[in-house]
Amino acid sequence: MEVLYAPHFKRSFKFLTKEVKKKFRKQVSFLLTDIRHPSLRAKKYDEERGIWQARVNDDYRFYFLIKGETYILIEIKLHPK
């Protein structure tokens, strides 16, 4: 599997703290090895559009599509509580 970053994702990522960026990178490494890794808690977010959601930490989530052998990251944002 490989990861592609959508332009919107890249723009959002720029504004994250250093700590959140570091945690995100760790979570992406888990995604690449096992989408079922417990800390990701990956799940279908929008079945109709094929969007998945995974956890960065308690406060942030990232959203992605799966196209063949590629994860396309489309958004990273605060998770509403």
PDB file of N, CA and C in Angstrom:
ATOM      1  N   MET A   1       0.846  -1.192   0.000  1.00  0.00           N
ATOM      2  CA  MET A   1       0.000   0.000   0.000  1.00  0.00           C
ATOM      3  C   MET A   1       0.886   1.248   0.000  1.00  0.00           C
ATOM      4  N   GLU A   2       0.328   2.293  -0.552  1.00  0.00           N
ATOM      5  CA  GLU A   2       1.016   3.581  -0.540  1.00  0.00           C
ATOM      6  C   GLU A   2       0.035   4.661  -0.102  1.00  0.00           C
ATOM      7  N   VAL A   3       0.564   5.848   0.210  1.00  0.00           N
ATOM      8  CA  VAL A   3      -0.260   6.960   0.677  1.00  0.00           C
ATOM      9  C   VAL A   3      -0.082   8.136  -0.269  1.00  0.00           C
ATOM     10  N   LEU A   4      -1.204   8.737  -0.649  1.00  0.00           N
ATOM     11  CA  LEU A   4      -1.204   9.990  -1.396  1.00  0.00           C
ATOM     12  C   LEU A   4      -1.938  11.028  -0.558  1.00  0.00           C
ATOM     13  N   TYR A   5      -1.468  12.253  -0.614  1.00  0.00           N
ATOM     14  CA  TYR A   5      -2.055  13.335   0.169  1.00  0.00           C
ATOM     15  C   TYR A   5      -2.768  14.306  -0.761  1.00  0.00           C
ATOM     16  N   ALA A   6      -4.066  14.475  -0.561  1.00  0.00           N
ATOM     17  CA  ALA A   6      -4.846  15.425  -1.351  1.00  0.00           C
ATOM     18  C   ALA A   6      -4.411  16.846  -0.991  1.00  0.00           C
ATOM     19  N   PRO A   7      -4.545  17.785  -1.932  1.00  0.00           N
ATOM     20  CA  PRO A   7      -4.149  19.175  -1.645  1.00  0.00           C
ATOM     21  C   PRO A   7      -4.802  19.751  -0.386  1.00  0.00           C
ATOM     22  N   HIS A   8      -6.077  19.476  -0.180  1.00  0.00           N
ATOM     23  CA  HIS A   8      -6.763  19.988   1.010  1.00  0.00           C
ATOM     24  C   HIS A   8      -6.122  19.429   2.282  1.00  0.00           C
ATOM     25  N   PHE A   9      -5.770  18.156   2.261  1.00  0.00           N
ATOM     26  CA  PHE A   9      -5.114  17.541   3.416  1.00  0.00           C
ATOM     27  C   PHE A   9      -3.798  18.266   3.714  1.00  0.00           C
ATOM     28  N   LYS A  10      -3.022  18.508   2.687  1.00  0.00           N
ATOM     29  CA  LYS A  10      -1.724  19.179   2.868  1.00  0.00           C
ATOM     30  C   LYS A  10      -1.888  20.561   3.491  1.00  0.00           C
ATOM     31  N   ARG A  11      -2.909  21.293   3.053  1.00  0.00           N
ATOM     32  CA  ARG A  11      -3.148  22.634   3.612  1.00  0.00           C
ATOM     33  C   ARG A  11      -3.512  22.539   5.093  1.00  0.00           C
ATOM     34  N   SER A  12      -4.386  21.603   5.434  1.00  0.00           N
ATOM     35  CA  SER A  12      -4.804  21.442   6.832  1.00  0.00           C
ATOM     36  C   SER A  12      -3.631  21.011   7.708  1.00  0.00           C
ATOM     37  N   PHE A  13      -2.814  20.118   7.176  1.00  0.00           N
ATOM     38  CA  PHE A  13      -1.686  19.561   7.931  1.00  0.00           C
ATOM     39  C   PHE A  13      -0.699  20.644   8.361  1.00  0.00           C
ATOM     40  N   LYS A  14      -0.508  21.636   7.519  1.00  0.00           N
ATOM     41  CA  LYS A  14       0.445  22.714   7.811  1.00  0.00           C
ATOM     42  C   LYS A  14       0.161  23.430   9.127  1.00  0.00           C
ATOM     43  N   PHE A  15      -1.110  23.493   9.515  1.00  0.00           N
ATOM     44  CA  PHE A  15      -1.503  24.270  10.686  1.00  0.00           C
ATOM     45  C   PHE A  15      -1.534  23.460  11.984  1.00  0.00           C
ATOM     46  N   LEU A  16      -1.201  22.197  11.911  1.00  0.00           N
ATOM     47  CA  LEU A  16      -1.210  21.351  13.103  1.00  0.00           C
ATOM     48  C   LEU A  16       0.035  21.596  13.953  1.00  0.00           C
ATOM     49  N   THR A  17      -0.069  21.278  15.219  1.00  0.00           N
ATOM     50  CA  THR A  17       1.084  21.411  16.104  1.00  0.00           C
ATOM     51  C   THR A  17       2.117  20.330  15.760  1.00  0.00           C
ATOM     52  N   LYS A  18       3.314  20.562  16.209  1.00  0.00           N
ATOM     53  CA  LYS A  18       4.406  19.609  16.003  1.00  0.00           C
ATOM     54  C   LYS A  18       4.054  18.241  16.596  1.00  0.00           C
ATOM     55  N   GLU A  19       3.432  18.250  17.772  1.00  0.00           N
ATOM     56  CA  GLU A  19       3.080  16.999  18.447  1.00  0.00           C
ATOM     57  C   GLU A  19       2.027  16.207  17.667  1.00  0.00           C
ATOM     58  N   VAL A  20       1.025  16.896  17.144  1.00  0.00           N
ATOM     59  CA  VAL A  20      -0.027  16.220  16.370  1.00  0.00           C
ATOM     60  C   VAL A  20       0.561  15.666  15.072  1.00  0.00           C
ATOM     61  N   LYS A  21       1.445  16.426  14.437  1.00  0.00           N
ATOM     62  CA  LYS A  21       2.088  15.933  13.208  1.00  0.00           C
ATOM     63  C   LYS A  21       2.888  14.665  13.481  1.00  0.00           C
ATOM     64  N   LYS A  22       3.620  14.663  14.586  1.00  0.00           N
ATOM     65  CA  LYS A  22       4.417  13.494  14.950  1.00  0.00           C
ATOM     66  C   LYS A  22       3.526  12.280  15.188  1.00  0.00           C
ATOM     67  N   LYS A  23       2.451  12.464  15.936  1.00  0.00           N
ATOM     68  CA  LYS A  23       1.522  11.375  16.214  1.00  0.00           C
ATOM     69  C   LYS A  23       0.864  10.886  14.919  1.00  0.00           C
ATOM     70  N   PHE A  24       0.504  11.810  14.037  1.00  0.00           N
ATOM     71  CA  PHE A  24      -0.098  11.435  12.758  1.00  0.00           C
ATOM     72  C   PHE A  24       0.839  10.537  11.955  1.00  0.00           C
ATOM     73  N   ARG A  25       2.102  10.915  11.891  1.00  0.00           N
ATOM     74  CA  ARG A  25       3.064  10.106  11.128  1.00  0.00           C
ATOM     75  C   ARG A  25       3.156   8.678  11.673  1.00  0.00           C
ATOM     76  N   LYS A  26       3.091   8.559  12.984  1.00  0.00           N
ATOM     77  CA  LYS A  26       3.110   7.231  13.606  1.00  0.00           C
ATOM     78  C   LYS A  26       1.854   6.446  13.208  1.00  0.00           C
ATOM     79  N   GLN A  27       0.715   7.115  13.243  1.00  0.00           N
ATOM     80  CA  GLN A  27      -0.538   6.445  12.893  1.00  0.00           C
ATOM     81  C   GLN A  27      -0.553   6.014  11.419  1.00  0.00           C
ATOM     82  N   VAL A  28       0.012   6.821  10.542  1.00  0.00           N
ATOM     83  CA  VAL A  28       0.078   6.443   9.126  1.00  0.00           C
ATOM     84  C   VAL A  28       0.962   5.213   8.947  1.00  0.00           C
ATOM     85  N   SER A  29       2.012   5.111   9.720  1.00  0.00           N
ATOM     86  CA  SER A  29       2.850   3.908   9.619  1.00  0.00           C
ATOM     87  C   SER A  29       2.057   2.671  10.026  1.00  0.00           C
ATOM     88  N   PHE A  30       1.189   2.803  11.037  1.00  0.00           N
ATOM     89  CA  PHE A  30       0.307   1.698  11.410  1.00  0.00           C
ATOM     90  C   PHE A  30      -0.683   1.388  10.287  1.00  0.00           C
ATOM     91  N   LEU A  31      -1.228   2.435   9.673  1.00  0.00           N
ATOM     92  CA  LEU A  31      -2.177   2.247   8.575  1.00  0.00           C
ATOM     93  C   LEU A  31      -1.544   1.450   7.442  1.00  0.00           C
ATOM     94  N   LEU A  32      -0.311   1.757   7.136  1.00  0.00           N
ATOM     95  CA  LEU A  32       0.371   1.069   6.034  1.00  0.00           C
ATOM     96  C   LEU A  32       0.653  -0.402   6.337  1.00  0.00           C
ATOM     97  N   THR A  33       0.771  -0.739   7.598  1.00  0.00           N
ATOM     98  CA  THR A  33       1.049  -2.137   7.947  1.00  0.00           C
ATOM     99  C   THR A  33      -0.207  -2.923   8.294  1.00  0.00           C
ATOM    100  N   ASP A  34      -1.214  -2.253   8.906  1.00  0.00           N
ATOM    101  CA  ASP A  34      -2.424  -2.970   9.306  1.00  0.00           C
ATOM    102  C   ASP A  34      -3.541  -1.974   9.606  1.00  0.00           C
ATOM    103  N   ILE A  35      -4.500  -1.881   8.713  1.00  0.00           N
ATOM    104  CA  ILE A  35      -5.615  -0.940   8.895  1.00  0.00           C
ATOM    105  C   ILE A  35      -6.411  -1.256  10.164  1.00  0.00           C
ATOM    106  N   ARG A  36      -6.282  -2.481  10.666  1.00  0.00           N
ATOM    107  CA  ARG A  36      -7.015  -2.883  11.868  1.00  0.00           C
ATOM    108  C   ARG A  36      -6.205  -2.650  13.157  1.00  0.00           C
ATOM    109  N   HIS A  37      -5.105  -1.937  13.059  1.00  0.00           N
ATOM    110  CA  HIS A  37      -4.307  -1.655  14.259  1.00  0.00           C
ATOM    111  C   HIS A  37      -5.214  -0.990  15.298  1.00  0.00           C
ATOM    112  N   PRO A  38      -5.185  -1.462  16.555  1.00  0.00           N
ATOM    113  CA  PRO A  38      -6.115  -0.956  17.575  1.00  0.00           C
ATOM    114  C   PRO A  38      -6.082   0.555  17.811  1.00  0.00           C
ATOM    115  N   SER A  39      -4.930   1.185  17.707  1.00  0.00           N
ATOM    116  CA  SER A  39      -4.882   2.626  17.996  1.00  0.00           C
ATOM    117  C   SER A  39      -5.509   3.464  16.882  1.00  0.00           C
ATOM    118  N   LEU A  40      -5.639   2.906  15.691  1.00  0.00           N
ATOM    119  CA  LEU A  40      -6.272   3.642  14.590  1.00  0.00           C
ATOM    120  C   LEU A  40      -7.784   3.730  14.750  1.00  0.00           C
ATOM    121  N   ARG A  41      -8.358   2.656  15.215  1.00  0.00           N
ATOM    122  CA  ARG A  41      -9.821   2.552  15.285  1.00  0.00           C
ATOM    123  C   ARG A  41     -10.464   2.949  13.962  1.00  0.00           C
ATOM    124  N   ALA A  42      -9.879   2.472  12.866  1.00  0.00           N
ATOM    125  CA  ALA A  42     -10.358   2.815  11.523  1.00  0.00           C
ATOM    126  C   ALA A  42     -11.746   2.234  11.295  1.00  0.00           C
ATOM    127  N   LYS A  43     -12.585   3.045  10.667  1.00  0.00           N
ATOM    128  CA  LYS A  43     -13.939   2.594  10.352  1.00  0.00           C
ATOM    129  C   LYS A  43     -14.459   3.364   9.147  1.00  0.00           C
ATOM    130  N   LYS A  44     -15.458   2.779   8.500  1.00  0.00           N
ATOM    131  CA  LYS A  44     -16.119   3.484   7.403  1.00  0.00           C
ATOM    132  C   LYS A  44     -16.855   4.674   7.996  1.00  0.00           C
ATOM    133  N   TYR A  45     -16.600   5.835   7.452  1.00  0.00           N
ATOM    134  CA  TYR A  45     -17.223   7.063   7.932  1.00  0.00           C
ATOM    135  C   TYR A  45     -18.437   7.418   7.071  1.00  0.00           C
ATOM    136  N   ASP A  46     -18.265   7.265   5.758  1.00  0.00           N
ATOM    137  CA  ASP A  46     -19.332   7.567   4.801  1.00  0.00           C
ATOM    138  C   ASP A  46     -19.347   6.448   3.766  1.00  0.00           C
ATOM    139  N   GLU A  47     -20.225   5.490   3.972  1.00  0.00           N
ATOM    140  CA  GLU A  47     -20.310   4.311   3.110  1.00  0.00           C
ATOM    141  C   GLU A  47     -20.559   4.693   1.650  1.00  0.00           C
ATOM    142  N   GLU A  48     -21.459   5.631   1.437  1.00  0.00           N
ATOM    143  CA  GLU A  48     -21.840   6.021   0.083  1.00  0.00           C
ATOM    144  C   GLU A  48     -20.667   6.572  -0.724  1.00  0.00           C
ATOM    145  N   ARG A  49     -19.848   7.399  -0.082  1.00  0.00           N
ATOM    146  CA  ARG A  49     -18.702   7.999  -0.786  1.00  0.00           C
ATOM    147  C   ARG A  49     -17.406   7.220  -0.568  1.00  0.00           C
ATOM    148  N   GLY A  50     -17.444   6.176   0.250  1.00  0.00           N
ATOM    149  CA  GLY A  50     -16.265   5.340   0.476  1.00  0.00           C
ATOM    150  C   GLY A  50     -15.204   5.979   1.353  1.00  0.00           C
ATOM    151  N   ILE A  51     -15.617   6.887   2.223  1.00  0.00           N
ATOM    152  CA  ILE A  51     -14.673   7.603   3.088  1.00  0.00           C
ATOM    153  C   ILE A  51     -14.501   6.847   4.404  1.00  0.00           C
ATOM    154  N   TRP A  52     -13.250   6.685   4.792  1.00  0.00           N
ATOM    155  CA  TRP A  52     -12.878   6.050   6.052  1.00  0.00           C
ATOM    156  C   TRP A  52     -12.389   7.110   7.024  1.00  0.00           C
ATOM    157  N   GLN A  53     -12.471   6.792   8.319  1.00  0.00           N
ATOM    158  CA  GLN A  53     -11.978   7.667   9.379  1.00  0.00           C
ATOM    159  C   GLN A  53     -11.030   6.863  10.265  1.00  0.00           C
ATOM    160  N   ALA A  54      -9.954   7.511  10.711  1.00  0.00           N
ATOM    161  CA  ALA A  54      -9.042   6.874  11.662  1.00  0.00           C
ATOM    162  C   ALA A  54      -8.584   7.917  12.675  1.00  0.00           C
ATOM    163  N   ARG A  55      -8.154   7.429  13.819  1.00  0.00           N
ATOM    164  CA  ARG A  55      -7.767   8.276  14.944  1.00  0.00           C
ATOM    165  C   ARG A  55      -6.301   8.681  14.859  1.00  0.00           C
ATOM    166  N   VAL A  56      -6.050   9.958  15.115  1.00  0.00           N
ATOM    167  CA  VAL A  56      -4.683  10.431  15.335  1.00  0.00           C
ATOM    168  C   VAL A  56      -4.417  10.367  16.837  1.00  0.00           C
ATOM    169  N   ASN A  57      -5.301  11.012  17.590  1.00  0.00           N
ATOM    170  CA  ASN A  57      -5.264  10.983  19.058  1.00  0.00           C
ATOM    171  C   ASN A  57      -6.688  11.227  19.546  1.00  0.00           C
ATOM    172  N   ASP A  58      -6.861  11.578  20.797  1.00  0.00           N
ATOM    173  CA  ASP A  58      -8.217  11.813  21.304  1.00  0.00           C
ATOM    174  C   ASP A  58      -8.908  12.986  20.613  1.00  0.00           C
ATOM    175  N   ASP A  59      -8.133  13.931  20.114  1.00  0.00           N
ATOM    176  CA  ASP A  59      -8.697  15.163  19.566  1.00  0.00           C
ATOM    177  C   ASP A  59      -8.772  15.230  18.042  1.00  0.00           C
ATOM    178  N   TYR A  60      -7.959  14.484  17.342  1.00  0.00           N
ATOM    179  CA  TYR A  60      -7.885  14.593  15.877  1.00  0.00           C
ATOM    180  C   TYR A  60      -8.208  13.281  15.180  1.00  0.00           C
ATOM    181  N   ARG A  61      -8.831  13.421  13.992  1.00  0.00           N
ATOM    182  CA  ARG A  61      -9.112  12.284  13.126  1.00  0.00           C
ATOM    183  C   ARG A  61      -8.624  12.624  11.726  1.00  0.00           C
ATOM    184  N   PHE A  62      -8.280  11.576  10.977  1.00  0.00           N
ATOM    185  CA  PHE A  62      -7.988  11.793   9.567  1.00  0.00           C
ATOM    186  C   PHE A  62      -8.920  10.928   8.736  1.00  0.00           C
ATOM    187  N   TYR A  63      -9.186  11.396   7.532  1.00  0.00           N
ATOM    188  CA  TYR A  63     -10.171  10.784   6.648  1.00  0.00           C
ATOM    189  C   TYR A  63      -9.488  10.420   5.339  1.00  0.00           C
ATOM    190  N   PHE A  64      -9.865   9.266   4.808  1.00  0.00           N
ATOM    191  CA  PHE A  64      -9.179   8.783   3.612  1.00  0.00           C
ATOM    192  C   PHE A  64     -10.081   7.899   2.766  1.00  0.00           C
ATOM    193  N   LEU A  65      -9.652   7.722   1.528  1.00  0.00           N
ATOM    194  CA  LEU A  65     -10.279   6.808   0.581  1.00  0.00           C
ATOM    195  C   LEU A  65      -9.307   5.673   0.316  1.00  0.00           C
ATOM    196  N   ILE A  66      -9.828   4.536  -0.079  1.00  0.00           N
ATOM    197  CA  ILE A  66      -8.979   3.419  -0.489  1.00  0.00           C
ATOM    198  C   ILE A  66      -9.271   3.155  -1.964  1.00  0.00           C
ATOM    199  N   LYS A  67      -8.259   3.348  -2.790  1.00  0.00           N
ATOM    200  CA  LYS A  67      -8.372   3.112  -4.227  1.00  0.00           C
ATOM    201  C   LYS A  67      -7.297   2.109  -4.619  1.00  0.00           C
ATOM    202  N   GLY A  68      -7.711   0.875  -4.821  1.00  0.00           N
ATOM    203  CA  GLY A  68      -6.746  -0.169  -5.151  1.00  0.00           C
ATOM    204  C   GLY A  68      -5.756  -0.360  -4.027  1.00  0.00           C
ATOM    205  N   GLU A  69      -4.486  -0.129  -4.311  1.00  0.00           N
ATOM    206  CA  GLU A  69      -3.408  -0.282  -3.335  1.00  0.00           C
ATOM    207  C   GLU A  69      -2.955   1.069  -2.765  1.00  0.00           C
ATOM    208  N   THR A  70      -3.854   2.058  -2.788  1.00  0.00           N
ATOM    209  CA  THR A  70      -3.486   3.406  -2.360  1.00  0.00           C
ATOM    210  C   THR A  70      -4.483   3.967  -1.349  1.00  0.00           C
ATOM    211  N   TYR A  71      -3.951   4.551  -0.287  1.00  0.00           N
ATOM    212  CA  TYR A  71      -4.755   5.336   0.645  1.00  0.00           C
ATOM    213  C   TYR A  71      -4.636   6.786   0.204  1.00  0.00           C
ATOM    214  N   ILE A  72      -5.757   7.429  -0.057  1.00  0.00           N
ATOM    215  CA  ILE A  72      -5.763   8.839  -0.441  1.00  0.00           C
ATOM    216  C   ILE A  72      -6.278   9.624   0.756  1.00  0.00           C
ATOM    217  N   LEU A  73      -5.383  10.343   1.424  1.00  0.00           N
ATOM    218  CA  LEU A  73      -5.755  11.113   2.610  1.00  0.00           C
ATOM    219  C   LEU A  73      -6.377  12.417   2.168  1.00  0.00           C
ATOM    220  N   ILE A  74      -7.605  12.655   2.642  1.00  0.00           N
ATOM    221  CA  ILE A  74      -8.356  13.820   2.155  1.00  0.00           C
ATOM    222  C   ILE A  74      -8.578  14.899   3.202  1.00  0.00           C
ATOM    223  N   GLU A  75      -8.489  14.546   4.483  1.00  0.00           N
ATOM    224  CA  GLU A  75      -8.764  15.547   5.526  1.00  0.00           C
ATOM    225  C   GLU A  75      -8.144  15.110   6.852  1.00  0.00           C
ATOM    226  N   ILE A  76      -7.739  16.085   7.644  1.00  0.00           N
ATOM    227  CA  ILE A  76      -7.345  15.872   9.031  1.00  0.00           C
ATOM    228  C   ILE A  76      -7.907  17.047   9.805  1.00  0.00           C
ATOM    229  N   LYS A  77      -8.633  16.747  10.894  1.00  0.00           N
ATOM    230  CA  LYS A  77      -9.274  17.834  11.622  1.00  0.00           C
ATOM    231  C   LYS A  77      -9.614  17.426  13.041  1.00  0.00           C
ATOM    232  N   LEU A  78      -9.988  18.427  13.828  1.00  0.00           N
ATOM    233  CA  LEU A  78     -10.436  18.178  15.192  1.00  0.00           C
ATOM    234  C   LEU A  78     -11.691  17.324  15.172  1.00  0.00           C
ATOM    235  N   HIS A  79     -11.743  16.416  16.113  1.00  0.00           N
ATOM    236  CA  HIS A  79     -12.914  15.552  16.238  1.00  0.00           C
ATOM    237  C   HIS A  79     -13.882  16.185  17.215  1.00  0.00           C
ATOM    238  N   PRO A  80     -15.129  16.428  16.778  1.00  0.00           N
ATOM    239  CA  PRO A  80     -16.089  17.031  17.708  1.00  0.00           C
ATOM    240  C   PRO A  80     -16.400  16.094  18.866  1.00  0.00           C
ATOM    241  N   LYS A  81     -16.502  16.636  20.020  1.00  0.00           N
ATOM    242  CA  LYS A  81     -16.755  15.807  21.227  1.00  0.00           C
ATOM    243  C   LYS A  81     -18.196  15.848  21.612  1.00  0.00           C
TER     244      LYS A  81
END
